[in-house]
Amino acid sequence: LFFLLMARPQKYTYLLLGIVAGLMTFARSDGLLWLGIAVFAIVFQ
């Protein structure tokens, strides 16, 4: 879902990326890394 959201960037996309990263952190402790990956997503887009 994280990469699917990146495929359709909108104004609210990056808020949703943060939400997905939060849910991933609940699933696994290394989900916190996905907040950093969201930063890369913003920079590369």
ModelCIF file with pLDDT and N, C-alpha, C, O atoms, coordinates in Angstrom:
data_MODEL
#
_entry.id   MODEL 
#
_entity.id                         1 
_entity.type                       polymer 
_entity.pdbx_number_of_molecules   1 
#
_entity_poly.entity_id                      1 
_entity_poly.type                           'polypeptide(L)' 
_entity_poly.nstd_linkage                   no 
_entity_poly.nstd_monomer                   no 
_entity_poly.pdbx_seq_one_letter_code       LFFLLMARPQKYTYLLLGIVAGLMTFARSDGLLWLGIAVFAIVFQ 
_entity_poly.pdbx_seq_one_letter_code_can   LFFLLMARPQKYTYLLLGIVAGLMTFARSDGLLWLGIAVFAIVFQ 
_entity_poly.pdbx_strand_id                 A 
#
loop_
_entity_poly_seq.entity_id 
_entity_poly_seq.num 
_entity_poly_seq.mon_id 
_entity_poly_seq.hetero 
1 1  LEU n 
1 2  PHE n 
1 3  PHE n 
1 4  LEU n 
1 5  LEU n 
1 6  MET n 
1 7  ALA n 
1 8  ARG n 
1 9  PRO n 
1 10 GLN n 
1 11 LYS n 
1 12 TYR n 
1 13 THR n 
1 14 TYR n 
1 15 LEU n 
1 16 LEU n 
1 17 LEU n 
1 18 GLY n 
1 19 ILE n 
1 20 VAL n 
1 21 ALA n 
1 22 GLY n 
1 23 LEU n 
1 24 MET n 
1 25 THR n 
1 26 PHE n 
1 27 ALA n 
1 28 ARG n 
1 29 SER n 
1 30 ASP n 
1 31 GLY n 
1 32 LEU n 
1 33 LEU n 
1 34 TRP n 
1 35 LEU n 
1 36 GLY n 
1 37 ILE n 
1 38 ALA n 
1 39 VAL n 
1 40 PHE n 
1 41 ALA n 
1 42 ILE n 
1 43 VAL n 
1 44 PHE n 
1 45 GLN n 
#
_struct_asym.id          A 
_struct_asym.entity_id   1 
#
loop_
_ma_qa_metric.id 
_ma_qa_metric.mode 
_ma_qa_metric.name 
_ma_qa_metric.software_group_id 
_ma_qa_metric.type 
1 global pLDDT . pLDDT 
2 local  pLDDT . pLDDT 
#
_ma_qa_metric_global.metric_id      1 
_ma_qa_metric_global.metric_value   92.33 
_ma_qa_metric_global.model_id       1 
_ma_qa_metric_global.ordinal_id     1 
#
loop_
_ma_qa_metric_local.label_asym_id 
_ma_qa_metric_local.label_comp_id 
_ma_qa_metric_local.label_seq_id 
_ma_qa_metric_local.metric_id 
_ma_qa_metric_local.metric_value 
_ma_qa_metric_local.model_id 
_ma_qa_metric_local.ordinal_id 
A LEU 1  2 96.00 1 1  
A PHE 2  2 96.00 1 2  
A PHE 3  2 96.00 1 3  
A LEU 4  2 95.00 1 4  
A LEU 5  2 95.00 1 5  
A MET 6  2 93.00 1 6  
A ALA 7  2 90.00 1 7  
A ARG 8  2 84.00 1 8  
A PRO 9  2 84.00 1 9  
A GLN 10 2 86.00 1 10 
A LYS 11 2 82.00 1 11 
A TYR 12 2 89.00 1 12 
A THR 13 2 93.00 1 13 
A TYR 14 2 94.00 1 14 
A LEU 15 2 96.00 1 15 
A LEU 16 2 96.00 1 16 
A LEU 17 2 96.00 1 17 
A GLY 18 2 96.00 1 18 
A ILE 19 2 97.00 1 19 
A VAL 20 2 97.00 1 20 
A ALA 21 2 97.00 1 21 
A GLY 22 2 96.00 1 22 
A LEU 23 2 97.00 1 23 
A MET 24 2 96.00 1 24 
A THR 25 2 94.00 1 25 
A PHE 26 2 90.00 1 26 
A ALA 27 2 91.00 1 27 
A ARG 28 2 88.00 1 28 
A SER 29 2 83.00 1 29 
A ASP 30 2 86.00 1 30 
A GLY 31 2 89.00 1 31 
A LEU 32 2 90.00 1 32 
A LEU 33 2 93.00 1 33 
A TRP 34 2 95.00 1 34 
A LEU 35 2 95.00 1 35 
A GLY 36 2 94.00 1 36 
A ILE 37 2 95.00 1 37 
A ALA 38 2 94.00 1 38 
A VAL 39 2 94.00 1 39 
A PHE 40 2 93.00 1 40 
A ALA 41 2 93.00 1 41 
A ILE 42 2 92.00 1 42 
A VAL 43 2 91.00 1 43 
A PHE 44 2 90.00 1 44 
A GLN 45 2 88.00 1 45 
#
loop_
_atom_site.group_PDB 
_atom_site.id 
_atom_site.type_symbol 
_atom_site.label_atom_id 
_atom_site.label_alt_id 
_atom_site.label_comp_id 
_atom_site.label_asym_id 
_atom_site.label_entity_id 
_atom_site.label_seq_id 
_atom_site.pdbx_PDB_ins_code 
_atom_site.Cartn_x 
_atom_site.Cartn_y 
_atom_site.Cartn_z 
_atom_site.occupancy 
_atom_site.B_iso_or_equiv 
_atom_site.pdbx_formal_charge 
_atom_site.auth_seq_id 
_atom_site.auth_comp_id 
_atom_site.auth_asym_id 
_atom_site.auth_atom_id 
_atom_site.pdbx_PDB_model_num 
ATOM 1   N N  . LEU A 1 1  ? 0.829  -1.211 0.000  1.00 96.00 ? 1  LEU A N  1 
ATOM 2   C CA . LEU A 1 1  ? 0.000  0.000  0.000  1.00 96.00 ? 1  LEU A CA 1 
ATOM 3   C C  . LEU A 1 1  ? 0.858  1.253  0.000  1.00 96.00 ? 1  LEU A C  1 
ATOM 4   O O  . LEU A 1 1  ? 0.503  2.249  -0.631 1.00 96.00 ? 1  LEU A O  1 
ATOM 5   N N  . PHE A 1 2  ? 1.982  1.212  0.701  1.00 96.00 ? 2  PHE A N  1 
ATOM 6   C CA . PHE A 1 2  ? 2.909  2.348  0.756  1.00 96.00 ? 2  PHE A CA 1 
ATOM 7   C C  . PHE A 1 2  ? 3.343  2.744  -0.656 1.00 96.00 ? 2  PHE A C  1 
ATOM 8   O O  . PHE A 1 2  ? 3.290  3.916  -1.028 1.00 96.00 ? 2  PHE A O  1 
ATOM 9   N N  . PHE A 1 3  ? 3.778  1.741  -1.440 1.00 96.00 ? 3  PHE A N  1 
ATOM 10  C CA . PHE A 1 3  ? 4.262  2.042  -2.794 1.00 96.00 ? 3  PHE A CA 1 
ATOM 11  C C  . PHE A 1 3  ? 3.112  2.306  -3.763 1.00 96.00 ? 3  PHE A C  1 
ATOM 12  O O  . PHE A 1 3  ? 3.290  3.004  -4.761 1.00 96.00 ? 3  PHE A O  1 
ATOM 13  N N  . LEU A 1 4  ? 1.947  1.755  -3.477 1.00 95.00 ? 4  LEU A N  1 
ATOM 14  C CA . LEU A 1 4  ? 0.777  2.057  -4.299 1.00 95.00 ? 4  LEU A CA 1 
ATOM 15  C C  . LEU A 1 4  ? 0.358  3.513  -4.111 1.00 95.00 ? 4  LEU A C  1 
ATOM 16  O O  . LEU A 1 4  ? -0.043 4.170  -5.071 1.00 95.00 ? 4  LEU A O  1 
ATOM 17  N N  . LEU A 1 5  ? 0.445  4.013  -2.901 1.00 95.00 ? 5  LEU A N  1 
ATOM 18  C CA . LEU A 1 5  ? 0.147  5.429  -2.636 1.00 95.00 ? 5  LEU A CA 1 
ATOM 19  C C  . LEU A 1 5  ? 1.142  6.327  -3.363 1.00 95.00 ? 5  LEU A C  1 
ATOM 20  O O  . LEU A 1 5  ? 0.774  7.383  -3.876 1.00 95.00 ? 5  LEU A O  1 
ATOM 21  N N  . MET A 1 6  ? 2.403  5.904  -3.405 1.00 93.00 ? 6  MET A N  1 
ATOM 22  C CA . MET A 1 6  ? 3.412  6.691  -4.116 1.00 93.00 ? 6  MET A CA 1 
ATOM 23  C C  . MET A 1 6  ? 3.127  6.766  -5.599 1.00 93.00 ? 6  MET A C  1 
ATOM 24  O O  . MET A 1 6  ? 3.543  7.714  -6.265 1.00 93.00 ? 6  MET A O  1 
ATOM 25  N N  . ALA A 1 7  ? 2.413  5.763  -6.133 1.00 90.00 ? 7  ALA A N  1 
ATOM 26  C CA . ALA A 1 7  ? 2.109  5.734  -7.571 1.00 90.00 ? 7  ALA A CA 1 
ATOM 27  C C  . ALA A 1 7  ? 1.068  6.781  -7.939 1.00 90.00 ? 7  ALA A C  1 
ATOM 28  O O  . ALA A 1 7  ? 0.949  7.153  -9.107 1.00 90.00 ? 7  ALA A O  1 
ATOM 29  N N  . ARG A 1 8  ? 0.312  7.261  -6.952 1.00 84.00 ? 8  ARG A N  1 
ATOM 30  C CA . ARG A 1 8  ? -0.742 8.245  -7.219 1.00 84.00 ? 8  ARG A CA 1 
ATOM 31  C C  . ARG A 1 8  ? -0.580 9.420  -6.266 1.00 84.00 ? 8  ARG A C  1 
ATOM 32  O O  . ARG A 1 8  ? -1.404 9.620  -5.374 1.00 84.00 ? 8  ARG A O  1 
ATOM 33  N N  . PRO A 1 9  ? 0.487  10.200 -6.454 1.00 84.00 ? 9  PRO A N  1 
ATOM 34  C CA . PRO A 1 9  ? 0.743  11.291 -5.506 1.00 84.00 ? 9  PRO A CA 1 
ATOM 35  C C  . PRO A 1 9  ? -0.327 12.384 -5.561 1.00 84.00 ? 9  PRO A C  1 
ATOM 36  O O  . PRO A 1 9  ? -0.637 12.923 -6.624 1.00 84.00 ? 9  PRO A O  1 
ATOM 37  N N  . GLN A 1 10 ? -0.874 12.691 -4.399 1.00 86.00 ? 10 GLN A N  1 
ATOM 38  C CA . GLN A 1 10 ? -1.829 13.778 -4.216 1.00 86.00 ? 10 GLN A CA 1 
ATOM 39  C C  . GLN A 1 10 ? -1.366 14.600 -3.017 1.00 86.00 ? 10 GLN A C  1 
ATOM 40  O O  . GLN A 1 10 ? -0.357 14.280 -2.389 1.00 86.00 ? 10 GLN A O  1 
ATOM 41  N N  . LYS A 1 11 ? -2.107 15.657 -2.704 1.00 82.00 ? 11 LYS A N  1 
ATOM 42  C CA . LYS A 1 11 ? -1.724 16.500 -1.576 1.00 82.00 ? 11 LYS A CA 1 
ATOM 43  C C  . LYS A 1 11 ? -1.748 15.723 -0.260 1.00 82.00 ? 11 LYS A C  1 
ATOM 44  O O  . LYS A 1 11 ? -0.950 15.985 0.639  1.00 82.00 ? 11 LYS A O  1 
ATOM 45  N N  . TYR A 1 12 ? -2.666 14.770 -0.158 1.00 89.00 ? 12 TYR A N  1 
ATOM 46  C CA . TYR A 1 12 ? -2.817 14.022 1.086  1.00 89.00 ? 12 TYR A CA 1 
ATOM 47  C C  . TYR A 1 12 ? -1.970 12.746 1.115  1.00 89.00 ? 12 TYR A C  1 
ATOM 48  O O  . TYR A 1 12 ? -1.969 12.037 2.121  1.00 89.00 ? 12 TYR A O  1 
ATOM 49  N N  . THR A 1 13 ? -1.257 12.445 0.038  1.00 93.00 ? 13 THR A N  1 
ATOM 50  C CA . THR A 1 13 ? -0.504 11.190 -0.059 1.00 93.00 ? 13 THR A CA 1 
ATOM 51  C C  . THR A 1 13 ? 0.483  11.031 1.087  1.00 93.00 ? 13 THR A C  1 
ATOM 52  O O  . THR A 1 13 ? 0.599  9.949  1.664  1.00 93.00 ? 13 THR A O  1 
ATOM 53  N N  . TYR A 1 14 ? 1.192  12.098 1.416  1.00 94.00 ? 14 TYR A N  1 
ATOM 54  C CA . TYR A 1 14 ? 2.278  11.980 2.396  1.00 94.00 ? 14 TYR A CA 1 
ATOM 55  C C  . TYR A 1 14 ? 1.746  11.853 3.819  1.00 94.00 ? 14 TYR A C  1 
ATOM 56  O O  . TYR A 1 14 ? 2.407  11.278 4.684  1.00 94.00 ? 14 TYR A O  1 
ATOM 57  N N  . LEU A 1 15 ? 0.553  12.390 4.060  1.00 96.00 ? 15 LEU A N  1 
ATOM 58  C CA . LEU A 1 15 ? -0.116 12.128 5.334  1.00 96.00 ? 15 LEU A CA 1 
ATOM 59  C C  . LEU A 1 15 ? -0.430 10.638 5.448  1.00 96.00 ? 15 LEU A C  1 
ATOM 60  O O  . LEU A 1 15 ? -0.231 10.030 6.500  1.00 96.00 ? 15 LEU A O  1 
ATOM 61  N N  . LEU A 1 16 ? -0.925 10.056 4.349  1.00 96.00 ? 16 LEU A N  1 
ATOM 62  C CA . LEU A 1 16 ? -1.258 8.631  4.341  1.00 96.00 ? 16 LEU A CA 1 
ATOM 63  C C  . LEU A 1 16 ? -0.007 7.762  4.467  1.00 96.00 ? 16 LEU A C  1 
ATOM 64  O O  . LEU A 1 16 ? -0.044 6.705  5.096  1.00 96.00 ? 16 LEU A O  1 
ATOM 65  N N  . LEU A 1 17 ? 1.105  8.210  3.866  1.00 96.00 ? 17 LEU A N  1 
ATOM 66  C CA . LEU A 1 17 ? 2.351  7.451  4.010  1.00 96.00 ? 17 LEU A CA 1 
ATOM 67  C C  . LEU A 1 17 ? 2.767  7.392  5.478  1.00 96.00 ? 17 LEU A C  1 
ATOM 68  O O  . LEU A 1 17 ? 3.238  6.360  5.957  1.00 96.00 ? 17 LEU A O  1 
ATOM 69  N N  . GLY A 1 18 ? 2.591  8.503  6.185  1.00 96.00 ? 18 GLY A N  1 
ATOM 70  C CA . GLY A 1 18 ? 2.901  8.519  7.608  1.00 96.00 ? 18 GLY A CA 1 
ATOM 71  C C  . GLY A 1 18 ? 1.998  7.590  8.395  1.00 96.00 ? 18 GLY A C  1 
ATOM 72  O O  . GLY A 1 18 ? 2.451  6.903  9.311  1.00 96.00 ? 18 GLY A O  1 
ATOM 73  N N  . ILE A 1 19 ? 0.714  7.566  8.039  1.00 97.00 ? 19 ILE A N  1 
ATOM 74  C CA . ILE A 1 19 ? -0.237 6.672  8.706  1.00 97.00 ? 19 ILE A CA 1 
ATOM 75  C C  . ILE A 1 19 ? 0.150  5.210  8.473  1.00 97.00 ? 19 ILE A C  1 
ATOM 76  O O  . ILE A 1 19 ? 0.139  4.401  9.401  1.00 97.00 ? 19 ILE A O  1 
ATOM 77  N N  . VAL A 1 20 ? 0.494  4.878  7.219  1.00 97.00 ? 20 VAL A N  1 
ATOM 78  C CA . VAL A 1 20 ? 0.906  3.504  6.902  1.00 97.00 ? 20 VAL A CA 1 
ATOM 79  C C  . VAL A 1 20 ? 2.170  3.131  7.678  1.00 97.00 ? 20 VAL A C  1 
ATOM 80  O O  . VAL A 1 20 ? 2.280  2.020  8.198  1.00 97.00 ? 20 VAL A O  1 
ATOM 81  N N  . ALA A 1 21 ? 3.124  4.067  7.751  1.00 97.00 ? 21 ALA A N  1 
ATOM 82  C CA . ALA A 1 21 ? 4.354  3.808  8.514  1.00 97.00 ? 21 ALA A CA 1 
ATOM 83  C C  . ALA A 1 21 ? 4.027  3.555  9.987  1.00 97.00 ? 21 ALA A C  1 
ATOM 84  O O  . ALA A 1 21 ? 4.652  2.712  10.630 1.00 97.00 ? 21 ALA A O  1 
ATOM 85  N N  . GLY A 1 22 ? 3.047  4.288  10.517 1.00 96.00 ? 22 GLY A N  1 
ATOM 86  C CA . GLY A 1 22 ? 2.628  4.075  11.903 1.00 96.00 ? 22 GLY A CA 1 
ATOM 87  C C  . GLY A 1 22 ? 2.031  2.698  12.102 1.00 96.00 ? 22 GLY A C  1 
ATOM 88  O O  . GLY A 1 22 ? 2.332  2.027  13.089 1.00 96.00 ? 22 GLY A O  1 
ATOM 89  N N  . LEU A 1 23 ? 1.190  2.271  11.179 1.00 97.00 ? 23 LEU A N  1 
ATOM 90  C CA . LEU A 1 23 ? 0.587  0.946  11.268 1.00 97.00 ? 23 LEU A CA 1 
ATOM 91  C C  . LEU A 1 23 ? 1.651  -0.146 11.159 1.00 97.00 ? 23 LEU A C  1 
ATOM 92  O O  . LEU A 1 23 ? 1.563  -1.183 11.817 1.00 97.00 ? 23 LEU A O  1 
ATOM 93  N N  . MET A 1 24 ? 2.661  0.103  10.316 1.00 96.00 ? 24 MET A N  1 
ATOM 94  C CA . MET A 1 24 ? 3.742  -0.873 10.174 1.00 96.00 ? 24 MET A CA 1 
ATOM 95  C C  . MET A 1 24 ? 4.560  -0.965 11.460 1.00 96.00 ? 24 MET A C  1 
ATOM 96  O O  . MET A 1 24 ? 5.075  -2.032 11.794 1.00 96.00 ? 24 MET A O  1 
ATOM 97  N N  . THR A 1 25 ? 4.678  0.148  12.179 1.00 94.00 ? 25 THR A N  1 
ATOM 98  C CA . THR A 1 25 ? 5.397  0.132  13.450 1.00 94.00 ? 25 THR A CA 1 
ATOM 99  C C  . THR A 1 25 ? 4.636  -0.685 14.485 1.00 94.00 ? 25 THR A C  1 
ATOM 100 O O  . THR A 1 25 ? 5.246  -1.348 15.324 1.00 94.00 ? 25 THR A O  1 
ATOM 101 N N  . PHE A 1 26 ? 3.294  -0.641 14.430 1.00 90.00 ? 26 PHE A N  1 
ATOM 102 C CA . PHE A 1 26 ? 2.500  -1.483 15.319 1.00 90.00 ? 26 PHE A CA 1 
ATOM 103 C C  . PHE A 1 26 ? 2.692  -2.962 14.984 1.00 90.00 ? 26 PHE A C  1 
ATOM 104 O O  . PHE A 1 26 ? 2.642  -3.818 15.868 1.00 90.00 ? 26 PHE A O  1 
ATOM 105 N N  . ALA A 1 27 ? 2.909  -3.254 13.706 1.00 91.00 ? 27 ALA A N  1 
ATOM 106 C CA . ALA A 1 27 ? 3.085  -4.644 13.291 1.00 91.00 ? 27 ALA A CA 1 
ATOM 107 C C  . ALA A 1 27 ? 4.470  -5.172 13.638 1.00 91.00 ? 27 ALA A C  1 
ATOM 108 O O  . ALA A 1 27 ? 4.619  -6.315 14.069 1.00 91.00 ? 27 ALA A O  1 
ATOM 109 N N  . ARG A 1 28 ? 5.483  -4.330 13.447 1.00 88.00 ? 28 ARG A N  1 
ATOM 110 C CA . ARG A 1 28 ? 6.871  -4.731 13.715 1.00 88.00 ? 28 ARG A CA 1 
ATOM 111 C C  . ARG A 1 28 ? 7.617  -3.518 14.241 1.00 88.00 ? 28 ARG A C  1 
ATOM 112 O O  . ARG A 1 28 ? 7.342  -2.391 13.828 1.00 88.00 ? 28 ARG A O  1 
ATOM 113 N N  . SER A 1 29 ? 8.551  -3.737 15.145 1.00 83.00 ? 29 SER A N  1 
ATOM 114 C CA . SER A 1 29 ? 9.294  -2.607 15.709 1.00 83.00 ? 29 SER A CA 1 
ATOM 115 C C  . SER A 1 29 ? 10.108 -1.871 14.653 1.00 83.00 ? 29 SER A C  1 
ATOM 116 O O  . SER A 1 29 ? 10.313 -0.662 14.764 1.00 83.00 ? 29 SER A O  1 
ATOM 117 N N  . ASP A 1 30 ? 10.581 -2.595 13.616 1.00 86.00 ? 30 ASP A N  1 
ATOM 118 C CA . ASP A 1 30 ? 11.355 -1.908 12.577 1.00 86.00 ? 30 ASP A CA 1 
ATOM 119 C C  . ASP A 1 30 ? 10.469 -1.122 11.613 1.00 86.00 ? 30 ASP A C  1 
ATOM 120 O O  . ASP A 1 30 ? 10.961 -0.535 10.650 1.00 86.00 ? 30 ASP A O  1 
ATOM 121 N N  . GLY A 1 31 ? 9.156  -1.112 11.874 1.00 89.00 ? 31 GLY A N  1 
ATOM 122 C CA . GLY A 1 31 ? 8.263  -0.267 11.076 1.00 89.00 ? 31 GLY A CA 1 
ATOM 123 C C  . GLY A 1 31 ? 8.619  1.196  11.189 1.00 89.00 ? 31 GLY A C  1 
ATOM 124 O O  . GLY A 1 31 ? 8.292  1.993  10.309 1.00 89.00 ? 31 GLY A O  1 
ATOM 125 N N  . LEU A 1 32 ? 9.305  1.562  12.294 1.00 90.00 ? 32 LEU A N  1 
ATOM 126 C CA . LEU A 1 32 ? 9.758  2.946  12.463 1.00 90.00 ? 32 LEU A CA 1 
ATOM 127 C C  . LEU A 1 32 ? 10.636 3.394  11.297 1.00 90.00 ? 32 LEU A C  1 
ATOM 128 O O  . LEU A 1 32 ? 10.646 4.570  10.935 1.00 90.00 ? 32 LEU A O  1 
ATOM 129 N N  . LEU A 1 33 ? 11.374 2.446  10.711 1.00 93.00 ? 33 LEU A N  1 
ATOM 130 C CA . LEU A 1 33 ? 12.240 2.782  9.574  1.00 93.00 ? 33 LEU A CA 1 
ATOM 131 C C  . LEU A 1 33 ? 11.436 3.322  8.400  1.00 93.00 ? 33 LEU A C  1 
ATOM 132 O O  . LEU A 1 33 ? 11.947 4.102  7.596  1.00 93.00 ? 33 LEU A O  1 
ATOM 133 N N  . TRP A 1 34 ? 10.160 2.901  8.302  1.00 95.00 ? 34 TRP A N  1 
ATOM 134 C CA . TRP A 1 34 ? 9.340  3.337  7.170  1.00 95.00 ? 34 TRP A CA 1 
ATOM 135 C C  . TRP A 1 34 ? 8.984  4.812  7.243  1.00 95.00 ? 34 TRP A C  1 
ATOM 136 O O  . TRP A 1 34 ? 8.628  5.412  6.229  1.00 95.00 ? 34 TRP A O  1 
ATOM 137 N N  . LEU A 1 35 ? 9.074  5.402  8.420  1.00 95.00 ? 35 LEU A N  1 
ATOM 138 C CA . LEU A 1 35 ? 8.916  6.856  8.502  1.00 95.00 ? 35 LEU A CA 1 
ATOM 139 C C  . LEU A 1 35 ? 10.089 7.529  7.797  1.00 95.00 ? 35 LEU A C  1 
ATOM 140 O O  . LEU A 1 35 ? 9.920  8.541  7.116  1.00 95.00 ? 35 LEU A O  1 
ATOM 141 N N  . GLY A 1 36 ? 11.279 6.956  7.969  1.00 94.00 ? 36 GLY A N  1 
ATOM 142 C CA . GLY A 1 36 ? 12.446 7.448  7.231  1.00 94.00 ? 36 GLY A CA 1 
ATOM 143 C C  . GLY A 1 36 ? 12.312 7.204  5.741  1.00 94.00 ? 36 GLY A C  1 
ATOM 144 O O  . GLY A 1 36 ? 12.729 8.032  4.932  1.00 94.00 ? 36 GLY A O  1 
ATOM 145 N N  . ILE A 1 37 ? 11.729 6.061  5.372  1.00 95.00 ? 37 ILE A N  1 
ATOM 146 C CA . ILE A 1 37 ? 11.513 5.756  3.954  1.00 95.00 ? 37 ILE A CA 1 
ATOM 147 C C  . ILE A 1 37 ? 10.515 6.749  3.351  1.00 95.00 ? 37 ILE A C  1 
ATOM 148 O O  . ILE A 1 37 ? 10.618 7.090  2.173  1.00 95.00 ? 37 ILE A O  1 
ATOM 149 N N  . ALA A 1 38 ? 9.556  7.211  4.147  1.00 94.00 ? 38 ALA A N  1 
ATOM 150 C CA . ALA A 1 38 ? 8.611  8.229  3.677  1.00 94.00 ? 38 ALA A CA 1 
ATOM 151 C C  . ALA A 1 38 ? 9.349  9.520  3.328  1.00 94.00 ? 38 ALA A C  1 
ATOM 152 O O  . ALA A 1 38 ? 8.970  10.220 2.389  1.00 94.00 ? 38 ALA A O  1 
ATOM 153 N N  . VAL A 1 39 ? 10.404 9.834  4.082  1.00 94.00 ? 39 VAL A N  1 
ATOM 154 C CA . VAL A 1 39 ? 11.216 11.022 3.775  1.00 94.00 ? 39 VAL A CA 1 
ATOM 155 C C  . VAL A 1 39 ? 11.890 10.855 2.416  1.00 94.00 ? 39 VAL A C  1 
ATOM 156 O O  . VAL A 1 39 ? 11.909 11.786 1.611  1.00 94.00 ? 39 VAL A O  1 
ATOM 157 N N  . PHE A 1 40 ? 12.442 9.667  2.161  1.00 93.00 ? 40 PHE A N  1 
ATOM 158 C CA . PHE A 1 40 ? 13.046 9.397  0.852  1.00 93.00 ? 40 PHE A CA 1 
ATOM 159 C C  . PHE A 1 40 ? 12.000 9.511  -0.255 1.00 93.00 ? 40 PHE A C  1 
ATOM 160 O O  . PHE A 1 40 ? 12.284 10.031 -1.334 1.00 93.00 ? 40 PHE A O  1 
ATOM 161 N N  . ALA A 1 41 ? 10.793 9.023  0.019  1.00 93.00 ? 41 ALA A N  1 
ATOM 162 C CA . ALA A 1 41 ? 9.719  9.095  -0.973 1.00 93.00 ? 41 ALA A CA 1 
ATOM 163 C C  . ALA A 1 41 ? 9.433  10.536 -1.350 1.00 93.00 ? 41 ALA A C  1 
ATOM 164 O O  . ALA A 1 41 ? 9.243  10.848 -2.526 1.00 93.00 ? 41 ALA A O  1 
ATOM 165 N N  . ILE A 1 42 ? 9.400  11.412 -0.363 1.00 92.00 ? 42 ILE A N  1 
ATOM 166 C CA . ILE A 1 42 ? 9.138  12.832 -0.616 1.00 92.00 ? 42 ILE A CA 1 
ATOM 167 C C  . ILE A 1 42 ? 10.264 13.447 -1.437 1.00 92.00 ? 42 ILE A C  1 
ATOM 168 O O  . ILE A 1 42 ? 10.015 14.178 -2.396 1.00 92.00 ? 42 ILE A O  1 
ATOM 169 N N  . VAL A 1 43 ? 11.501 13.146 -1.057 1.00 91.00 ? 43 VAL A N  1 
ATOM 170 C CA . VAL A 1 43 ? 12.665 13.725 -1.756 1.00 91.00 ? 43 VAL A CA 1 
ATOM 171 C C  . VAL A 1 43 ? 12.725 13.250 -3.197 1.00 91.00 ? 43 VAL A C  1 
ATOM 172 O O  . VAL A 1 43 ? 12.983 14.048 -4.098 1.00 91.00 ? 43 VAL A O  1 
ATOM 173 N N  . PHE A 1 44 ? 12.488 11.947 -3.436 1.00 90.00 ? 44 PHE A N  1 
ATOM 174 C CA . PHE A 1 44 ? 12.609 11.401 -4.786 1.00 90.00 ? 44 PHE A CA 1 
ATOM 175 C C  . PHE A 1 44 ? 11.436 11.793 -5.683 1.00 90.00 ? 44 PHE A C  1 
ATOM 176 O O  . PHE A 1 44 ? 11.579 11.830 -6.905 1.00 90.00 ? 44 PHE A O  1 
ATOM 177 N N  . GLN A 1 45 ? 10.276 12.087 -5.086 1.00 88.00 ? 45 GLN A N  1 
ATOM 178 C CA . GLN A 1 45 ? 9.138  12.493 -5.905 1.00 88.00 ? 45 GLN A CA 1 
ATOM 179 C C  . GLN A 1 45 ? 9.149  13.990 -6.215 1.00 88.00 ? 45 GLN A C  1 
ATOM 180 O O  . GLN A 1 45 ? 8.252  14.486 -6.897 1.00 88.00 ? 45 GLN A O  1 
#
